[in-house]
Amino acid sequence: MTLELATEQKNNFTFSQQSNLVELNEQYRDAKPSEIMKFTIEHAKNPVIFTNFRPLAVAFLHLVTQPKPDIPVIWVDHGFNTPETYRHIERVVERLNLNLKVYSPKMSAAHYTAVYGDIPQVDTPEHDRFSEIVKLEPFNRAMSEVKPDVWLNGIRHDQNAHRKNLNVFTFGSHNTVRVAPMFNLTELDVEEYIYDRDLPDNNDYFDPTKVEEHRECGLMLMK
C-alpha cells in the first residue's frame, strides 16, 4: 500500500461495526494516548466518555477532554459511593469543567436496601440482579438515549486478566467501538500523569458491583 493510499484511507475512516480494528490496533500499537485521542476525535461522530471516578480515573478524564472539552461524560451513580467519592466528583467536575451527564438506577440505594437488604455476595444470582439494577440498566439507558458511535473508557491492560486480552480499539455493546487511549500504560505511568499535572485523585472508592479489584463489573463483558 502506498503512503498516499494509506493516508487517504485514514482520512476517510469512520467508526462502525465494519471498521477494521485489527489494522487500526496495529497502526496505533505504539502510539501515545494523545495521538490515539486525536485520531478518535477527528473521526468519531458522537463520542462519549464513561467513567466511575475510581482512583486514577482523573488522568483519563483530563486526557480525553483536552481535545474535546464539551464531550459528554456519562456517570452511572448507583448510590453506593463513599462520601469522599461524591466530594471528589465535585472537585473534578469543577477543575476540568466536565460536561457531566448523570444516570441513576430506577431503584435508589435506599429503596434497594430496604427491600433486598445489604449488597449480595458476588458470583450469586442475587448479585447479578443487583448489578443489573444499579449499573447495567442505567448504562443501557444512557447508551440508548445518547446513541454514541464511540465509547471512550479508561481501561488498561494491567488491570485484570480479561482486560489484558482486549486492545485500544474493540467492538462494544450498542453498536459502538470502544476506545481505550490509556490501554498500554501502566499504573505507574498514570500515577505520574496525575502527579505532573497536580490533578485531584480519589483514594476512597468502592464499587459494589465489583467488590474485589480484579473482577469485572459487567460493562466490559457486554456485547
Foldseek 3Di string as FASTA:
>chain_A
DDPVVVVVCLLPDAQFPPDPVVVVQVVCVPPALLVLLVSCVNHWDQEAEEDAQAFLCLLVVQSNCPVPVAHEYEYQCLQPKDPLSVVLVVVSCVVSVHNYDYFFFPAHPVRCCVVPNDQDDPPDPSLVVVLCRGPVVSVVVVCVVRVTQEYEYAAELPQADVLVPPGQWDAFPSRHIYGHSCHDPDPVVSVVSCVVVVHDGGDGTADSQARDRHGDSCRRVHD
